[in-house]
Amino acid sequence: MMNKNTSNSSNDIKYANLHETEEKRLKEIEQQFNSEFGTEYYLMVMKKA
């Protein structure tokens, strides 16, 4: 089970600065996940503090 960490403010979120190849791969994984599980989720990548 995934560890649930929450943020009190959207200002605390630091999105990862992905390179083009990383972003493309993430979209492929997202598409595969949704296809496999019949969902419509978006994956969000944040920089670890």
PDB file of N, CA and C in Angstrom:
ATOM      1  N   MET A   1       0.848  -1.178   0.000  1.00  0.00           N
ATOM      2  CA  MET A   1       0.000   0.000   0.000  1.00  0.00           C
ATOM      3  C   MET A   1       0.892   1.240   0.000  1.00  0.00           C
ATOM      4  N   MET A   2       0.477   2.230  -0.726  1.00  0.00           N
ATOM      5  CA  MET A   2       1.249   3.454  -0.860  1.00  0.00           C
ATOM      6  C   MET A   2       1.149   4.298   0.410  1.00  0.00           C
ATOM      7  N   ASN A   3       2.242   4.882   0.832  1.00  0.00           N
ATOM      8  CA  ASN A   3       2.262   5.771   1.979  1.00  0.00           C
ATOM      9  C   ASN A   3       1.544   7.059   1.616  1.00  0.00           C
ATOM     10  N   LYS A   4       0.567   7.459   2.407  1.00  0.00           N
ATOM     11  CA  LYS A   4      -0.214   8.658   2.103  1.00  0.00           C
ATOM     12  C   LYS A   4       0.363   9.859   2.840  1.00  0.00           C
ATOM     13  N   ASN A   5       1.067  10.702   2.118  1.00  0.00           N
ATOM     14  CA  ASN A   5       1.562  11.957   2.661  1.00  0.00           C
ATOM     15  C   ASN A   5       0.756  13.069   2.038  1.00  0.00           C
ATOM     16  N   THR A   6       0.274  13.983   2.848  1.00  0.00           N
ATOM     17  CA  THR A   6      -0.527  15.076   2.321  1.00  0.00           C
ATOM     18  C   THR A   6       0.161  16.395   2.570  1.00  0.00           C
ATOM     19  N   SER A   7      -0.206  17.365   1.778  1.00  0.00           N
ATOM     20  CA  SER A   7       0.338  18.708   1.892  1.00  0.00           C
ATOM     21  C   SER A   7      -0.786  19.633   2.331  1.00  0.00           C
ATOM     22  N   ASN A   8      -0.483  20.555   3.207  1.00  0.00           N
ATOM     23  CA  ASN A   8      -1.489  21.508   3.663  1.00  0.00           C
ATOM     24  C   ASN A   8      -1.720  22.617   2.662  1.00  0.00           C
ATOM     25  N   SER A   9      -0.824  22.794   1.735  1.00  0.00           N
ATOM     26  CA  SER A   9      -0.928  23.883   0.781  1.00  0.00           C
ATOM     27  C   SER A   9      -0.393  23.446  -0.569  1.00  0.00           C
ATOM     28  N   SER A  10      -1.065  23.895  -1.621  1.00  0.00           N
ATOM     29  CA  SER A  10      -0.556  23.575  -2.957  1.00  0.00           C
ATOM     30  C   SER A  10       0.772  24.270  -3.207  1.00  0.00           C
ATOM     31  N   ASN A  11       1.100  25.272  -2.402  1.00  0.00           N
ATOM     32  CA  ASN A  11       2.388  25.954  -2.534  1.00  0.00           C
ATOM     33  C   ASN A  11       3.543  25.051  -2.116  1.00  0.00           C
ATOM     34  N   ASP A  12       3.248  24.011  -1.326  1.00  0.00           N
ATOM     35  CA  ASP A  12       4.282  23.088  -0.861  1.00  0.00           C
ATOM     36  C   ASP A  12       4.714  22.114  -1.952  1.00  0.00           C
ATOM     37  N   ILE A  13       3.911  21.990  -3.006  1.00  0.00           N
ATOM     38  CA  ILE A  13       4.181  21.018  -4.057  1.00  0.00           C
ATOM     39  C   ILE A  13       5.255  21.536  -5.003  1.00  0.00           C
ATOM     40  N   LYS A  14       6.258  20.709  -5.237  1.00  0.00           N
ATOM     41  CA  LYS A  14       7.316  21.040  -6.190  1.00  0.00           C
ATOM     42  C   LYS A  14       7.309  19.965  -7.265  1.00  0.00           C
ATOM     43  N   TYR A  15       6.773  20.311  -8.429  1.00  0.00           N
ATOM     44  CA  TYR A  15       6.693  19.352  -9.524  1.00  0.00           C
ATOM     45  C   TYR A  15       8.086  19.056 -10.065  1.00  0.00           C
ATOM     46  N   ALA A  16       8.287  17.828 -10.476  1.00  0.00           N
ATOM     47  CA  ALA A  16       9.573  17.430 -11.038  1.00  0.00           C
ATOM     48  C   ALA A  16       9.764  18.069 -12.409  1.00  0.00           C
ATOM     49  N   ASN A  17      10.968  18.486 -12.681  1.00  0.00           N
ATOM     50  CA  ASN A  17      11.317  19.050 -13.982  1.00  0.00           C
ATOM     51  C   ASN A  17      11.838  17.902 -14.842  1.00  0.00           C
ATOM     52  N   LEU A  18      10.928  17.285 -15.605  1.00  0.00           N
ATOM     53  CA  LEU A  18      11.274  16.104 -16.381  1.00  0.00           C
ATOM     54  C   LEU A  18      11.875  16.476 -17.727  1.00  0.00           C
ATOM     55  N   HIS A  19      12.826  15.661 -18.163  1.00  0.00           N
ATOM     56  CA  HIS A  19      13.347  15.792 -19.518  1.00  0.00           C
ATOM     57  C   HIS A  19      12.306  15.221 -20.472  1.00  0.00           C
ATOM     58  N   GLU A  20      12.410  15.547 -21.734  1.00  0.00           N
ATOM     59  CA  GLU A  20      11.426  15.112 -22.729  1.00  0.00           C
ATOM     60  C   GLU A  20      11.266  13.590 -22.751  1.00  0.00           C
ATOM     61  N   THR A  21      12.381  12.865 -22.673  1.00  0.00           N
ATOM     62  CA  THR A  21      12.306  11.399 -22.707  1.00  0.00           C
ATOM     63  C   THR A  21      11.640  10.845 -21.446  1.00  0.00           C
ATOM     64  N   GLU A  22      11.878  11.476 -20.304  1.00  0.00           N
ATOM     65  CA  GLU A  22      11.243  11.043 -19.057  1.00  0.00           C
ATOM     66  C   GLU A  22       9.734  11.290 -19.109  1.00  0.00           C
ATOM     67  N   GLU A  23       9.346  12.447 -19.620  1.00  0.00           N
ATOM     68  CA  GLU A  23       7.926  12.775 -19.730  1.00  0.00           C
ATOM     69  C   GLU A  23       7.218  11.808 -20.683  1.00  0.00           C
ATOM     70  N   LYS A  24       7.862  11.498 -21.800  1.00  0.00           N
ATOM     71  CA  LYS A  24       7.293  10.559 -22.770  1.00  0.00           C
ATOM     72  C   LYS A  24       7.096   9.190 -22.128  1.00  0.00           C
ATOM     73  N   ARG A  25       8.094   8.721 -21.391  1.00  0.00           N
ATOM     74  CA  ARG A  25       8.008   7.409 -20.733  1.00  0.00           C
ATOM     75  C   ARG A  25       6.906   7.401 -19.682  1.00  0.00           C
ATOM     76  N   LEU A  26       6.778   8.477 -18.926  1.00  0.00           N
ATOM     77  CA  LEU A  26       5.731   8.568 -17.914  1.00  0.00           C
ATOM     78  C   LEU A  26       4.348   8.479 -18.558  1.00  0.00           C
ATOM     79  N   LYS A  27       4.169   9.137 -19.693  1.00  0.00           N
ATOM     80  CA  LYS A  27       2.890   9.078 -20.407  1.00  0.00           C
ATOM     81  C   LYS A  27       2.606   7.664 -20.905  1.00  0.00           C
ATOM     82  N   GLU A  28       3.655   6.947 -21.328  1.00  0.00           N
ATOM     83  CA  GLU A  28       3.487   5.553 -21.754  1.00  0.00           C
ATOM     84  C   GLU A  28       3.045   4.683 -20.582  1.00  0.00           C
ATOM     85  N   ILE A  29       3.665   4.883 -19.433  1.00  0.00           N
ATOM     86  CA  ILE A  29       3.314   4.122 -18.231  1.00  0.00           C
ATOM     87  C   ILE A  29       1.882   4.440 -17.815  1.00  0.00           C
ATOM     88  N   GLU A  30       1.525   5.706 -17.857  1.00  0.00           N
ATOM     89  CA  GLU A  30       0.177   6.146 -17.514  1.00  0.00           C
ATOM     90  C   GLU A  30      -0.859   5.484 -18.429  1.00  0.00           C
ATOM     91  N   GLN A  31      -0.584   5.472 -19.720  1.00  0.00           N
ATOM     92  CA  GLN A  31      -1.491   4.865 -20.692  1.00  0.00           C
ATOM     93  C   GLN A  31      -1.609   3.359 -20.454  1.00  0.00           C
ATOM     94  N   GLN A  32      -0.493   2.703 -20.199  1.00  0.00           N
ATOM     95  CA  GLN A  32      -0.494   1.263 -19.940  1.00  0.00           C
ATOM     96  C   GLN A  32      -1.288   0.953 -18.672  1.00  0.00           C
ATOM     97  N   PHE A  33      -1.086   1.735 -17.628  1.00  0.00           N
ATOM     98  CA  PHE A  33      -1.794   1.540 -16.364  1.00  0.00           C
ATOM     99  C   PHE A  33      -3.298   1.659 -16.571  1.00  0.00           C
ATOM    100  N   ASN A  34      -3.715   2.721 -17.248  1.00  0.00           N
ATOM    101  CA  ASN A  34      -5.140   2.947 -17.483  1.00  0.00           C
ATOM    102  C   ASN A  34      -5.749   1.860 -18.349  1.00  0.00           C
ATOM    103  N   SER A  35      -5.013   1.402 -19.333  1.00  0.00           N
ATOM    104  CA  SER A  35      -5.495   0.338 -20.207  1.00  0.00           C
ATOM    105  C   SER A  35      -5.649  -0.973 -19.437  1.00  0.00           C
ATOM    106  N   GLU A  36      -4.664  -1.276 -18.610  1.00  0.00           N
ATOM    107  CA  GLU A  36      -4.675  -2.530 -17.856  1.00  0.00           C
ATOM    108  C   GLU A  36      -5.780  -2.569 -16.810  1.00  0.00           C
ATOM    109  N   PHE A  37      -6.032  -1.438 -16.146  1.00  0.00           N
ATOM    110  CA  PHE A  37      -6.983  -1.413 -15.043  1.00  0.00           C
ATOM    111  C   PHE A  37      -8.324  -0.768 -15.395  1.00  0.00           C
ATOM    112  N   GLY A  38      -8.492  -0.337 -16.640  1.00  0.00           N
ATOM    113  CA  GLY A  38      -9.757   0.260 -17.061  1.00  0.00           C
ATOM    114  C   GLY A  38     -10.067   1.553 -16.335  1.00  0.00           C
ATOM    115  N   THR A  39      -9.026   2.341 -16.085  1.00  0.00           N
ATOM    116  CA  THR A  39      -9.189   3.598 -15.348  1.00  0.00           C
ATOM    117  C   THR A  39      -8.827   4.781 -16.234  1.00  0.00           C
ATOM    118  N   GLU A  40      -9.060   5.963 -15.723  1.00  0.00           N
ATOM    119  CA  GLU A  40      -8.644   7.197 -16.391  1.00  0.00           C
ATOM    120  C   GLU A  40      -7.955   8.076 -15.354  1.00  0.00           C
ATOM    121  N   TYR A  41      -6.753   7.657 -14.956  1.00  0.00           N
ATOM    122  CA  TYR A  41      -5.984   8.393 -13.960  1.00  0.00           C
ATOM    123  C   TYR A  41      -4.829   9.127 -14.623  1.00  0.00           C
ATOM    124  N   TYR A  42      -4.421  10.220 -14.002  1.00  0.00           N
ATOM    125  CA  TYR A  42      -3.219  10.934 -14.406  1.00  0.00           C
ATOM    126  C   TYR A  42      -2.162  10.693 -13.346  1.00  0.00           C
ATOM    127  N   LEU A  43      -0.948  10.454 -13.776  1.00  0.00           N
ATOM    128  CA  LEU A  43       0.156  10.304 -12.840  1.00  0.00           C
ATOM    129  C   LEU A  43       0.847  11.651 -12.696  1.00  0.00           C
ATOM    130  N   MET A  44       1.149  12.021 -11.467  1.00  0.00           N
ATOM    131  CA  MET A  44       1.801  13.291 -11.194  1.00  0.00           C
ATOM    132  C   MET A  44       3.143  12.991 -10.533  1.00  0.00           C
ATOM    133  N   VAL A  45       4.181  13.627 -10.999  1.00  0.00           N
ATOM    134  CA  VAL A  45       5.510  13.417 -10.448  1.00  0.00           C
ATOM    135  C   VAL A  45       5.931  14.681  -9.716  1.00  0.00           C
ATOM    136  N   MET A  46       6.305  14.494  -8.452  1.00  0.00           N
ATOM    137  CA  MET A  46       6.754  15.619  -7.646  1.00  0.00           C
ATOM    138  C   MET A  46       8.185  15.374  -7.197  1.00  0.00           C
ATOM    139  N   LYS A  47       8.905  16.435  -7.008  1.00  0.00           N
ATOM    140  CA  LYS A  47      10.280  16.343  -6.531  1.00  0.00           C
ATOM    141  C   LYS A  47      10.271  16.008  -5.044  1.00  0.00           C
ATOM    142  N   LYS A  48      11.078  15.025  -4.671  1.00  0.00           N
ATOM    143  CA  LYS A  48      11.169  14.634  -3.270  1.00  0.00           C
ATOM    144  C   LYS A  48      11.910  15.715  -2.495  1.00  0.00           C
ATOM    145  N   ALA A  49      11.352  16.090  -1.371  1.00  0.00           N
ATOM    146  CA  ALA A  49      11.951  17.157  -0.552  1.00  0.00           C
ATOM    147  C   ALA A  49      13.158  16.667   0.197  1.00  0.00           C
TER     148      ALA A  49
END
